[in-house]
Amino acid sequence: MIPQEDRDETPGAPRKSPQMGATRTPLHLVFQAFIGAIIGIGIASLFSDVAPAQLALAGVLVAVAAWIVEHGFNLPPVNSKPGARVRLILRMVSLVGFTLAISPLLALLEA
């Protein structure tokens, strides 16, 4: 998909040249993924004495709960400040759950 600022409505028009340092993936999303994975790994290491199956189940339940909240409740609009914050938190929570769910699998690969 072409970003909105790169579109030109005239047929056959060339695309605008990208600006210096422009990326396809916004850096705030990369930062969120990095922080969410770090938090998930930290929580998984805190619960290292818990059985791997229970830890994986807890991660799946956290990710499913975040999905239910996102799709089951009326949240503020995406382009408002509260809506952006709510979705940021939901993305972080679901990434933490995903990290908790796959951390026991990574332990199995090391063994």
PDB file of N, CA and C in Angstrom:
ATOM      1  N   MET A   1       0.838  -1.161   0.000  1.00  0.00           N
ATOM      2  CA  MET A   1       0.000   0.000   0.000  1.00  0.00           C
ATOM      3  C   MET A   1       0.890   1.233   0.000  1.00  0.00           C
ATOM      4  N   ILE A   2       0.565   2.196  -0.801  1.00  0.00           N
ATOM      5  CA  ILE A   2       1.347   3.418  -0.912  1.00  0.00           C
ATOM      6  C   ILE A   2       0.889   4.386   0.173  1.00  0.00           C
ATOM      7  N   PRO A   3       1.829   4.946   0.977  1.00  0.00           N
ATOM      8  CA  PRO A   3       1.422   5.914   1.996  1.00  0.00           C
ATOM      9  C   PRO A   3       0.706   7.100   1.372  1.00  0.00           C
ATOM     10  N   GLN A   4      -0.184   7.724   2.142  1.00  0.00           N
ATOM     11  CA  GLN A   4      -1.025   8.799   1.639  1.00  0.00           C
ATOM     12  C   GLN A   4      -0.202   9.937   1.042  1.00  0.00           C
ATOM     13  N   GLU A   5       0.911  10.320   1.675  1.00  0.00           N
ATOM     14  CA  GLU A   5       1.686  11.452   1.179  1.00  0.00           C
ATOM     15  C   GLU A   5       2.430  11.136  -0.117  1.00  0.00           C
ATOM     16  N   ASP A   6       2.559   9.837  -0.481  1.00  0.00           N
ATOM     17  CA  ASP A   6       3.242   9.463  -1.716  1.00  0.00           C
ATOM     18  C   ASP A   6       2.288   9.328  -2.896  1.00  0.00           C
ATOM     19  N   ARG A   7       1.004   9.469  -2.676  1.00  0.00           N
ATOM     20  CA  ARG A   7       0.039   9.289  -3.753  1.00  0.00           C
ATOM     21  C   ARG A   7      -0.089  10.553  -4.584  1.00  0.00           C
ATOM     22  N   ASP A   8      -0.286  10.348  -5.862  1.00  0.00           N
ATOM     23  CA  ASP A   8      -0.579  11.442  -6.783  1.00  0.00           C
ATOM     24  C   ASP A   8      -1.791  11.003  -7.581  1.00  0.00           C
ATOM     25  N   GLU A   9      -2.795  11.828  -7.619  1.00  0.00           N
ATOM     26  CA  GLU A   9      -4.073  11.435  -8.205  1.00  0.00           C
ATOM     27  C   GLU A   9      -4.044  11.383  -9.738  1.00  0.00           C
ATOM     28  N   THR A  10      -3.069  11.979 -10.387  1.00  0.00           N
ATOM     29  CA  THR A  10      -3.040  11.944 -11.849  1.00  0.00           C
ATOM     30  C   THR A  10      -2.509  10.604 -12.321  1.00  0.00           C
ATOM     31  N   PRO A  11      -3.172   9.990 -13.320  1.00  0.00           N
ATOM     32  CA  PRO A  11      -2.717   8.677 -13.794  1.00  0.00           C
ATOM     33  C   PRO A  11      -1.333   8.770 -14.447  1.00  0.00           C
ATOM     34  N   GLY A  12      -0.503   7.797 -14.166  1.00  0.00           N
ATOM     35  CA  GLY A  12       0.820   7.728 -14.774  1.00  0.00           C
ATOM     36  C   GLY A  12       1.849   8.638 -14.138  1.00  0.00           C
ATOM     37  N   ALA A  13       1.490   9.320 -13.077  1.00  0.00           N
ATOM     38  CA  ALA A  13       2.435  10.231 -12.429  1.00  0.00           C
ATOM     39  C   ALA A  13       3.456   9.420 -11.629  1.00  0.00           C
ATOM     40  N   PRO A  14       4.715   9.815 -11.640  1.00  0.00           N
ATOM     41  CA  PRO A  14       5.727   9.087 -10.866  1.00  0.00           C
ATOM     42  C   PRO A  14       5.535   9.324  -9.370  1.00  0.00           C
ATOM     43  N   ARG A  15       6.004   8.372  -8.585  1.00  0.00           N
ATOM     44  CA  ARG A  15       5.929   8.517  -7.134  1.00  0.00           C
ATOM     45  C   ARG A  15       6.917   9.561  -6.665  1.00  0.00           C
ATOM     46  N   LYS A  16       6.582  10.184  -5.554  1.00  0.00           N
ATOM     47  CA  LYS A  16       7.506  11.139  -4.973  1.00  0.00           C
ATOM     48  C   LYS A  16       8.721  10.384  -4.444  1.00  0.00           C
ATOM     49  N   SER A  17       9.871  11.009  -4.507  1.00  0.00           N
ATOM     50  CA  SER A  17      11.075  10.360  -3.992  1.00  0.00           C
ATOM     51  C   SER A  17      11.011  10.340  -2.461  1.00  0.00           C
ATOM     52  N   PRO A  18      11.456   9.246  -1.860  1.00  0.00           N
ATOM     53  CA  PRO A  18      11.386   9.162  -0.394  1.00  0.00           C
ATOM     54  C   PRO A  18      12.324  10.160   0.265  1.00  0.00           C
ATOM     55  N   GLN A  19      11.917  10.642   1.423  1.00  0.00           N
ATOM     56  CA  GLN A  19      12.755  11.569   2.162  1.00  0.00           C
ATOM     57  C   GLN A  19      13.901  10.808   2.824  1.00  0.00           C
ATOM     58  N   MET A  20      14.932  11.525   3.149  1.00  0.00           N
ATOM     59  CA  MET A  20      16.085  10.924   3.800  1.00  0.00           C
ATOM     60  C   MET A  20      15.665  10.309   5.136  1.00  0.00           C
ATOM     61  N   GLY A  21      15.976   9.048   5.349  1.00  0.00           N
ATOM     62  CA  GLY A  21      15.650   8.383   6.598  1.00  0.00           C
ATOM     63  C   GLY A  21      14.244   7.842   6.675  1.00  0.00           C
ATOM     64  N   ALA A  22      13.460   7.958   5.613  1.00  0.00           N
ATOM     65  CA  ALA A  22      12.083   7.449   5.645  1.00  0.00           C
ATOM     66  C   ALA A  22      12.105   5.923   5.615  1.00  0.00           C
ATOM     67  N   THR A  23      11.289   5.314   6.452  1.00  0.00           N
ATOM     68  CA  THR A  23      11.211   3.859   6.507  1.00  0.00           C
ATOM     69  C   THR A  23       9.783   3.425   6.267  1.00  0.00           C
ATOM     70  N   ARG A  24       9.602   2.180   5.886  1.00  0.00           N
ATOM     71  CA  ARG A  24       8.269   1.624   5.703  1.00  0.00           C
ATOM     72  C   ARG A  24       7.609   1.334   7.044  1.00  0.00           C
ATOM     73  N   THR A  25       8.390   0.869   8.023  1.00  0.00           N
ATOM     74  CA  THR A  25       7.860   0.566   9.342  1.00  0.00           C
ATOM     75  C   THR A  25       8.183   1.730  10.269  1.00  0.00           C
ATOM     76  N   PRO A  26       7.161   2.367  10.830  1.00  0.00           N
ATOM     77  CA  PRO A  26       7.442   3.472  11.755  1.00  0.00           C
ATOM     78  C   PRO A  26       8.248   2.974  12.954  1.00  0.00           C
ATOM     79  N   LEU A  27       9.189   3.780  13.381  1.00  0.00           N
ATOM     80  CA  LEU A  27      10.092   3.367  14.446  1.00  0.00           C
ATOM     81  C   LEU A  27       9.383   3.192  15.782  1.00  0.00           C
ATOM     82  N   HIS A  28       8.250   3.885  15.993  1.00  0.00           N
ATOM     83  CA  HIS A  28       7.554   3.698  17.261  1.00  0.00           C
ATOM     84  C   HIS A  28       6.978   2.287  17.371  1.00  0.00           C
ATOM     85  N   LEU A  29       6.632   1.667  16.244  1.00  0.00           N
ATOM     86  CA  LEU A  29       6.153   0.286  16.287  1.00  0.00           C
ATOM     87  C   LEU A  29       7.291  -0.680  16.617  1.00  0.00           C
ATOM     88  N   VAL A  30       8.459  -0.411  16.088  1.00  0.00           N
ATOM     89  CA  VAL A  30       9.629  -1.238  16.405  1.00  0.00           C
ATOM     90  C   VAL A  30       9.973  -1.091  17.888  1.00  0.00           C
ATOM     91  N   PHE A  31       9.895   0.132  18.394  1.00  0.00           N
ATOM     92  CA  PHE A  31      10.163   0.385  19.798  1.00  0.00           C
ATOM     93  C   PHE A  31       9.151  -0.344  20.683  1.00  0.00           C
ATOM     94  N   GLN A  32       7.867  -0.302  20.307  1.00  0.00           N
ATOM     95  CA  GLN A  32       6.835  -0.998  21.075  1.00  0.00           C
ATOM     96  C   GLN A  32       7.098  -2.503  21.086  1.00  0.00           C
ATOM     97  N   ALA A  33       7.460  -3.051  19.946  1.00  0.00           N
ATOM     98  CA  ALA A  33       7.738  -4.487  19.871  1.00  0.00           C
ATOM     99  C   ALA A  33       8.932  -4.841  20.745  1.00  0.00           C
ATOM    100  N   PHE A  34       9.948  -4.029  20.722  1.00  0.00           N
ATOM    101  CA  PHE A  34      11.145  -4.280  21.524  1.00  0.00           C
ATOM    102  C   PHE A  34      10.810  -4.240  23.010  1.00  0.00           C
ATOM    103  N   ILE A  35      10.100  -3.218  23.449  1.00  0.00           N
ATOM    104  CA  ILE A  35       9.746  -3.078  24.863  1.00  0.00           C
ATOM    105  C   ILE A  35       8.807  -4.204  25.296  1.00  0.00           C
ATOM    106  N   GLY A  36       7.821  -4.548  24.462  1.00  0.00           N
ATOM    107  CA  GLY A  36       6.900  -5.635  24.797  1.00  0.00           C
ATOM    108  C   GLY A  36       7.607  -6.971  24.930  1.00  0.00           C
ATOM    109  N   ALA A  37       8.555  -7.233  24.036  1.00  0.00           N
ATOM    110  CA  ALA A  37       9.310  -8.492  24.114  1.00  0.00           C
ATOM    111  C   ALA A  37      10.191  -8.520  25.360  1.00  0.00           C
ATOM    112  N   ILE A  38      10.813  -7.404  25.697  1.00  0.00           N
ATOM    113  CA  ILE A  38      11.658  -7.340  26.895  1.00  0.00           C
ATOM    114  C   ILE A  38      10.818  -7.573  28.149  1.00  0.00           C
ATOM    115  N   ILE A  39       9.644  -6.941  28.223  1.00  0.00           N
ATOM    116  CA  ILE A  39       8.766  -7.135  29.382  1.00  0.00           C
ATOM    117  C   ILE A  39       8.312  -8.595  29.464  1.00  0.00           C
ATOM    118  N   GLY A  40       7.944  -9.182  28.321  1.00  0.00           N
ATOM    119  CA  GLY A  40       7.521 -10.579  28.307  1.00  0.00           C
ATOM    120  C   GLY A  40       8.616 -11.532  28.746  1.00  0.00           C
ATOM    121  N   ILE A  41       9.835 -11.296  28.289  1.00  0.00           N
ATOM    122  CA  ILE A  41      10.962 -12.144  28.693  1.00  0.00           C
ATOM    123  C   ILE A  41      11.236 -11.973  30.182  1.00  0.00           C
ATOM    124  N   GLY A  42      11.111 -10.741  30.673  1.00  0.00           N
ATOM    125  CA  GLY A  42      11.314 -10.503  32.102  1.00  0.00           C
ATOM    126  C   GLY A  42      10.283 -11.222  32.958  1.00  0.00           C
ATOM    127  N   ILE A  43       9.026 -11.162  32.557  1.00  0.00           N
ATOM    128  CA  ILE A  43       7.966 -11.858  33.302  1.00  0.00           C
ATOM    129  C   ILE A  43       8.177 -13.366  33.225  1.00  0.00           C
ATOM    130  N   ALA A  44       8.557 -13.865  32.060  1.00  0.00           N
ATOM    131  CA  ALA A  44       8.798 -15.306  31.925  1.00  0.00           C
ATOM    132  C   ALA A  44       9.954 -15.751  32.811  1.00  0.00           C
ATOM    133  N   SER A  45      10.983 -14.931  32.937  1.00  0.00           N
ATOM    134  CA  SER A  45      12.100 -15.317  33.801  1.00  0.00           C
ATOM    135  C   SER A  45      11.718 -15.249  35.281  1.00  0.00           C
ATOM    136  N   LEU A  46      10.800 -14.337  35.639  1.00  0.00           N
ATOM    137  CA  LEU A  46      10.330 -14.286  37.021  1.00  0.00           C
ATOM    138  C   LEU A  46       9.545 -15.542  37.396  1.00  0.00           C
ATOM    139  N   PHE A  47       8.809 -16.076  36.437  1.00  0.00           N
ATOM    140  CA  PHE A  47       8.007 -17.269  36.681  1.00  0.00           C
ATOM    141  C   PHE A  47       8.703 -18.522  36.154  1.00  0.00           C
ATOM    142  N   SER A  48      10.005 -18.598  36.306  1.00  0.00           N
ATOM    143  CA  SER A  48      10.753 -19.744  35.783  1.00  0.00           C
ATOM    144  C   SER A  48      10.467 -21.027  36.552  1.00  0.00           C
ATOM    145  N   ASP A  49       9.975 -20.894  37.793  1.00  0.00           N
ATOM    146  CA  ASP A  49       9.673 -22.096  38.565  1.00  0.00           C
ATOM    147  C   ASP A  49       8.297 -22.679  38.227  1.00  0.00           C
ATOM    148  N   VAL A  50       7.507 -21.971  37.439  1.00  0.00           N
ATOM    149  CA  VAL A  50       6.187 -22.456  37.021  1.00  0.00           C
ATOM    150  C   VAL A  50       6.376 -23.443  35.866  1.00  0.00           C
ATOM    151  N   ALA A  51       5.487 -24.413  35.780  1.00  0.00           N
ATOM    152  CA  ALA A  51       5.566 -25.407  34.706  1.00  0.00           C
ATOM    153  C   ALA A  51       5.451 -24.710  33.347  1.00  0.00           C
ATOM    154  N   PRO A  52       6.212 -25.159  32.345  1.00  0.00           N
ATOM    155  CA  PRO A  52       6.179 -24.508  31.033  1.00  0.00           C
ATOM    156  C   PRO A  52       4.784 -24.489  30.397  1.00  0.00           C
ATOM    157  N   ALA A  53       4.010 -25.541  30.593  1.00  0.00           N
ATOM    158  CA  ALA A  53       2.670 -25.571  30.010  1.00  0.00           C
ATOM    159  C   ALA A  53       1.773 -24.518  30.650  1.00  0.00           C
ATOM    160  N   GLN A  54       1.914 -24.297  31.950  1.00  0.00           N
ATOM    161  CA  GLN A  54       1.113 -23.280  32.620  1.00  0.00           C
ATOM    162  C   GLN A  54       1.513 -21.877  32.177  1.00  0.00           C
ATOM    163  N   LEU A  55       2.793 -21.665  31.979  1.00  0.00           N
ATOM    164  CA  LEU A  55       3.273 -20.366  31.513  1.00  0.00           C
ATOM    165  C   LEU A  55       2.767 -20.091  30.102  1.00  0.00           C
ATOM    166  N   ALA A  56       2.804 -21.093  29.239  1.00  0.00           N
ATOM    167  CA  ALA A  56       2.312 -20.928  27.872  1.00  0.00           C
ATOM    168  C   ALA A  56       0.807 -20.663  27.872  1.00  0.00           C
ATOM    169  N   LEU A  57       0.061 -21.367  28.716  1.00  0.00           N
ATOM    170  CA  LEU A  57      -1.378 -21.153  28.808  1.00  0.00           C
ATOM    171  C   LEU A  57      -1.687 -19.753  29.314  1.00  0.00           C
ATOM    172  N   ALA A  58      -0.931 -19.279  30.291  1.00  0.00           N
ATOM    173  CA  ALA A  58      -1.137 -17.919  30.795  1.00  0.00           C
ATOM    174  C   ALA A  58      -0.884 -16.887  29.690  1.00  0.00           C
ATOM    175  N   GLY A  59       0.144 -17.107  28.879  1.00  0.00           N
ATOM    176  CA  GLY A  59       0.426 -16.190  27.775  1.00  0.00           C
ATOM    177  C   GLY A  59      -0.672 -16.177  26.744  1.00  0.00           C
ATOM    178  N   VAL A  60      -1.206 -17.348  26.432  1.00  0.00           N
ATOM    179  CA  VAL A  60      -2.313 -17.421  25.467  1.00  0.00           C
ATOM    180  C   VAL A  60      -3.539 -16.708  26.020  1.00  0.00           C
ATOM    181  N   LEU A  61      -3.822 -16.907  27.305  1.00  0.00           N
ATOM    182  CA  LEU A  61      -4.983 -16.248  27.905  1.00  0.00           C
ATOM    183  C   LEU A  61      -4.829 -14.728  27.924  1.00  0.00           C
ATOM    184  N   VAL A  62      -3.625 -14.245  28.169  1.00  0.00           N
ATOM    185  CA  VAL A  62      -3.382 -12.801  28.153  1.00  0.00           C
ATOM    186  C   VAL A  62      -3.593 -12.241  26.747  1.00  0.00           C
ATOM    187  N   ALA A  63      -3.074 -12.924  25.734  1.00  0.00           N
ATOM    188  CA  ALA A  63      -3.232 -12.456  24.355  1.00  0.00           C
ATOM    189  C   ALA A  63      -4.698 -12.491  23.923  1.00  0.00           C
ATOM    190  N   VAL A  64      -5.421 -13.537  24.310  1.00  0.00           N
ATOM    191  CA  VAL A  64      -6.841 -13.636  23.959  1.00  0.00           C
ATOM    192  C   VAL A  64      -7.644 -12.561  24.684  1.00  0.00           C
ATOM    193  N   ALA A  65      -7.315 -12.286  25.936  1.00  0.00           N
ATOM    194  CA  ALA A  65      -8.018 -11.241  26.682  1.00  0.00           C
ATOM    195  C   ALA A  65      -7.807  -9.873  26.038  1.00  0.00           C
ATOM    196  N   ALA A  66      -6.593  -9.588  25.584  1.00  0.00           N
ATOM    197  CA  ALA A  66      -6.329  -8.316  24.901  1.00  0.00           C
ATOM    198  C   ALA A  66      -7.119  -8.226  23.603  1.00  0.00           C
ATOM    199  N   TRP A  67      -7.225  -9.339  22.882  1.00  0.00           N
ATOM    200  CA  TRP A  67      -7.998  -9.346  21.638  1.00  0.00           C
ATOM    201  C   TRP A  67      -9.480  -9.126  21.919  1.00  0.00           C
ATOM    202  N   ILE A  68      -9.999  -9.758  22.971  1.00  0.00           N
ATOM    203  CA  ILE A  68     -11.412  -9.594  23.321  1.00  0.00           C
ATOM    204  C   ILE A  68     -11.712  -8.152  23.700  1.00  0.00           C
ATOM    205  N   VAL A  69     -10.823  -7.524  24.457  1.00  0.00           N
ATOM    206  CA  VAL A  69     -11.031  -6.128  24.833  1.00  0.00           C
ATOM    207  C   VAL A  69     -11.011  -5.241  23.598  1.00  0.00           C
ATOM    208  N   GLU A  70     -10.083  -5.502  22.684  1.00  0.00           N
ATOM    209  CA  GLU A  70      -9.970  -4.657  21.489  1.00  0.00           C
ATOM    210  C   GLU A  70     -11.186  -4.785  20.573  1.00  0.00           C
ATOM    211  N   HIS A  71     -11.704  -5.995  20.432  1.00  0.00           N
ATOM    212  CA  HIS A  71     -12.797  -6.204  19.488  1.00  0.00           C
ATOM    213  C   HIS A  71     -14.171  -6.268  20.136  1.00  0.00           C
ATOM    214  N   GLY A  72     -14.245  -6.416  21.452  1.00  0.00           N
ATOM    215  CA  GLY A  72     -15.527  -6.587  22.103  1.00  0.00           C
ATOM    216  C   GLY A  72     -16.080  -5.351  22.768  1.00  0.00           C
ATOM    217  N   PHE A  73     -15.254  -4.333  22.940  1.00  0.00           N
ATOM    218  CA  PHE A  73     -15.696  -3.133  23.635  1.00  0.00           C
ATOM    219  C   PHE A  73     -15.598  -1.934  22.703  1.00  0.00           C
ATOM    220  N   ASN A  74     -16.443  -0.932  22.972  1.00  0.00           N
ATOM    221  CA  ASN A  74     -16.381   0.313  22.202  1.00  0.00           C
ATOM    222  C   ASN A  74     -15.243   1.160  22.764  1.00  0.00           C
ATOM    223  N   LEU A  75     -14.183   1.267  21.991  1.00  0.00           N
ATOM    224  CA  LEU A  75     -13.015   2.035  22.398  1.00  0.00           C
ATOM    225  C   LEU A  75     -13.063   3.404  21.747  1.00  0.00           C
ATOM    226  N   PRO A  76     -12.312   4.372  22.275  1.00  0.00           N
ATOM    227  CA  PRO A  76     -12.261   5.687  21.622  1.00  0.00           C
ATOM    228  C   PRO A  76     -11.730   5.558  20.193  1.00  0.00           C
ATOM    229  N   PRO A  77     -12.027   6.516  19.331  1.00  0.00           N
ATOM    230  CA  PRO A  77     -11.538   6.455  17.945  1.00  0.00           C
ATOM    231  C   PRO A  77     -10.020   6.347  17.869  1.00  0.00           C
ATOM    232  N   VAL A  78      -9.543   5.691  16.817  1.00  0.00           N
ATOM    233  CA  VAL A  78      -8.116   5.440  16.653  1.00  0.00           C
ATOM    234  C   VAL A  78      -7.324   6.741  16.559  1.00  0.00           C
ATOM    235  N   ASN A  79      -7.869   7.732  15.883  1.00  0.00           N
ATOM    236  CA  ASN A  79      -7.112   8.954  15.648  1.00  0.00           C
ATOM    237  C   ASN A  79      -7.242   9.969  16.781  1.00  0.00           C
ATOM    238  N   SER A  80      -7.795   9.583  17.926  1.00  0.00           N
ATOM    239  CA  SER A  80      -7.808  10.464  19.088  1.00  0.00           C
ATOM    240  C   SER A  80      -6.681  10.055  20.028  1.00  0.00           C
ATOM    241  N   LYS A  81      -6.291  10.957  20.911  1.00  0.00           N
ATOM    242  CA  LYS A  81      -5.192  10.671  21.828  1.00  0.00           C
ATOM    243  C   LYS A  81      -5.532   9.532  22.792  1.00  0.00           C
ATOM    244  N   PRO A  82      -6.726   9.520  23.412  1.00  0.00           N
ATOM    245  CA  PRO A  82      -7.047   8.376  24.287  1.00  0.00           C
ATOM    246  C   PRO A  82      -7.134   7.053  23.517  1.00  0.00           C
ATOM    247  N   GLY A  83      -7.665   7.094  22.309  1.00  0.00           N
ATOM    248  CA  GLY A  83      -7.752   5.878  21.504  1.00  0.00           C
ATOM    249  C   GLY A  83      -6.392   5.327  21.145  1.00  0.00           C
ATOM    250  N   ALA A  84      -5.460   6.211  20.816  1.00  0.00           N
ATOM    251  CA  ALA A  84      -4.102   5.772  20.482  1.00  0.00           C
ATOM    252  C   ALA A  84      -3.426   5.164  21.708  1.00  0.00           C
ATOM    253  N   ARG A  85      -3.658   5.755  22.875  1.00  0.00           N
ATOM    254  CA  ARG A  85      -3.046   5.221  24.093  1.00  0.00           C
ATOM    255  C   ARG A  85      -3.628   3.862  24.464  1.00  0.00           C
ATOM    256  N   VAL A  86      -4.941   3.723  24.330  1.00  0.00           N
ATOM    257  CA  VAL A  86      -5.578   2.444  24.650  1.00  0.00           C
ATOM    258  C   VAL A  86      -5.055   1.353  23.729  1.00  0.00           C
ATOM    259  N   ARG A  87      -4.942   1.644  22.448  1.00  0.00           N
ATOM    260  CA  ARG A  87      -4.452   0.648  21.501  1.00  0.00           C
ATOM    261  C   ARG A  87      -2.969   0.341  21.716  1.00  0.00           C
ATOM    262  N   LEU A  88      -2.202   1.337  22.132  1.00  0.00           N
ATOM    263  CA  LEU A  88      -0.797   1.095  22.477  1.00  0.00           C
ATOM    264  C   LEU A  88      -0.712   0.100  23.630  1.00  0.00           C
ATOM    265  N   ILE A  89      -1.510   0.318  24.656  1.00  0.00           N
ATOM    266  CA  ILE A  89      -1.488  -0.583  25.810  1.00  0.00           C
ATOM    267  C   ILE A  89      -1.944  -1.976  25.408  1.00  0.00           C
ATOM    268  N   LEU A  90      -2.986  -2.063  24.579  1.00  0.00           N
ATOM    269  CA  LEU A  90      -3.469  -3.374  24.150  1.00  0.00           C
ATOM    270  C   LEU A  90      -2.435  -4.113  23.311  1.00  0.00           C
ATOM    271  N   ARG A  91      -1.719  -3.395  22.448  1.00  0.00           N
ATOM    272  CA  ARG A  91      -0.654  -4.031  21.663  1.00  0.00           C
ATOM    273  C   ARG A  91       0.465  -4.525  22.555  1.00  0.00           C
ATOM    274  N   MET A  92       0.818  -3.728  23.562  1.00  0.00           N
ATOM    275  CA  MET A  92       1.879  -4.144  24.482  1.00  0.00           C
ATOM    276  C   MET A  92       1.457  -5.377  25.276  1.00  0.00           C
ATOM    277  N   VAL A  93       0.215  -5.383  25.766  1.00  0.00           N
ATOM    278  CA  VAL A  93      -0.273  -6.512  26.554  1.00  0.00           C
ATOM    279  C   VAL A  93      -0.313  -7.779  25.706  1.00  0.00           C
ATOM    280  N   SER A  94      -0.795  -7.652  24.467  1.00  0.00           N
ATOM    281  CA  SER A  94      -0.860  -8.845  23.618  1.00  0.00           C
ATOM    282  C   SER A  94       0.536  -9.340  23.246  1.00  0.00           C
ATOM    283  N   LEU A  95       1.490  -8.444  23.074  1.00  0.00           N
ATOM    284  CA  LEU A  95       2.862  -8.869  22.782  1.00  0.00           C
ATOM    285  C   LEU A  95       3.509  -9.528  23.993  1.00  0.00           C
ATOM    286  N   VAL A  96       3.213  -9.028  25.178  1.00  0.00           N
ATOM    287  CA  VAL A  96       3.713  -9.677  26.392  1.00  0.00           C
ATOM    288  C   VAL A  96       3.114 -11.083  26.492  1.00  0.00           C
ATOM    289  N   GLY A  97       1.818 -11.221  26.223  1.00  0.00           N
ATOM    290  CA  GLY A  97       1.188 -12.543  26.249  1.00  0.00           C
ATOM    291  C   GLY A  97       1.786 -13.483  25.221  1.00  0.00           C
ATOM    292  N   PHE A  98       2.050 -12.964  24.031  1.00  0.00           N
ATOM    293  CA  PHE A  98       2.660 -13.786  22.988  1.00  0.00           C
ATOM    294  C   PHE A  98       4.053 -14.244  23.411  1.00  0.00           C
ATOM    295  N   THR A  99       4.822 -13.336  24.009  1.00  0.00           N
ATOM    296  CA  THR A  99       6.162 -13.700  24.460  1.00  0.00           C
ATOM    297  C   THR A  99       6.094 -14.744  25.563  1.00  0.00           C
ATOM    298  N   LEU A 100       5.123 -14.601  26.472  1.00  0.00           N
ATOM    299  CA  LEU A 100       4.957 -15.602  27.524  1.00  0.00           C
ATOM    300  C   LEU A 100       4.564 -16.953  26.924  1.00  0.00           C
ATOM    301  N   ALA A 101       3.762 -16.927  25.863  1.00  0.00           N
ATOM    302  CA  ALA A 101       3.306 -18.180  25.264  1.00  0.00           C
ATOM    303  C   ALA A 101       4.428 -18.920  24.548  1.00  0.00           C
ATOM    304  N   ILE A 102       5.346 -18.189  23.925  1.00  0.00           N
ATOM    305  CA  ILE A 102       6.397 -18.883  23.168  1.00  0.00           C
ATOM    306  C   ILE A 102       7.676 -19.106  23.967  1.00  0.00           C
ATOM    307  N   SER A 103       7.806 -18.480  25.139  1.00  0.00           N
ATOM    308  CA  SER A 103       9.040 -18.656  25.906  1.00  0.00           C
ATOM    309  C   SER A 103       9.286 -20.109  26.324  1.00  0.00           C
ATOM    310  N   PRO A 104       8.264 -20.902  26.716  1.00  0.00           N
ATOM    311  CA  PRO A 104       8.551 -22.316  27.002  1.00  0.00           C
ATOM    312  C   PRO A 104       9.003 -23.087  25.760  1.00  0.00           C
ATOM    313  N   LEU A 105       8.529 -22.680  24.590  1.00  0.00           N
ATOM    314  CA  LEU A 105       8.973 -23.344  23.362  1.00  0.00           C
ATOM    315  C   LEU A 105      10.439 -23.063  23.080  1.00  0.00           C
ATOM    316  N   LEU A 106      10.873 -21.852  23.378  1.00  0.00           N
ATOM    317  CA  LEU A 106      12.289 -21.533  23.188  1.00  0.00           C
ATOM    318  C   LEU A 106      13.156 -22.331  24.142  1.00  0.00           C
ATOM    319  N   ALA A 107      12.657 -22.581  25.356  1.00  0.00           N
ATOM    320  CA  ALA A 107      13.409 -23.399  26.302  1.00  0.00           C
ATOM    321  C   ALA A 107      13.536 -24.834  25.793  1.00  0.00           C
ATOM    322  N   LEU A 108      12.505 -25.324  25.105  1.00  0.00           N
ATOM    323  CA  LEU A 108      12.591 -26.670  24.540  1.00  0.00           C
ATOM    324  C   LEU A 108      13.621 -26.766  23.416  1.00  0.00           C
ATOM    325  N   LEU A 109      13.788 -25.688  22.663  1.00  0.00           N
ATOM    326  CA  LEU A 109      14.769 -25.702  21.578  1.00  0.00           C
ATOM    327  C   LEU A 109      16.192 -25.753  22.110  1.00  0.00           C
ATOM    328  N   GLU A 110      16.417 -25.153  23.274  1.00  0.00           N
ATOM    329  CA  GLU A 110      17.759 -25.139  23.858  1.00  0.00           C
ATOM    330  C   GLU A 110      18.130 -26.503  24.434  1.00  0.00           C
ATOM    331  N   ALA A 111      17.124 -27.280  24.844  1.00  0.00           N
ATOM    332  CA  ALA A 111      17.415 -28.554  25.503  1.00  0.00           C
ATOM    333  C   ALA A 111      17.857 -29.621  24.523  1.00  0.00           C
TER     334      ALA A 111
END
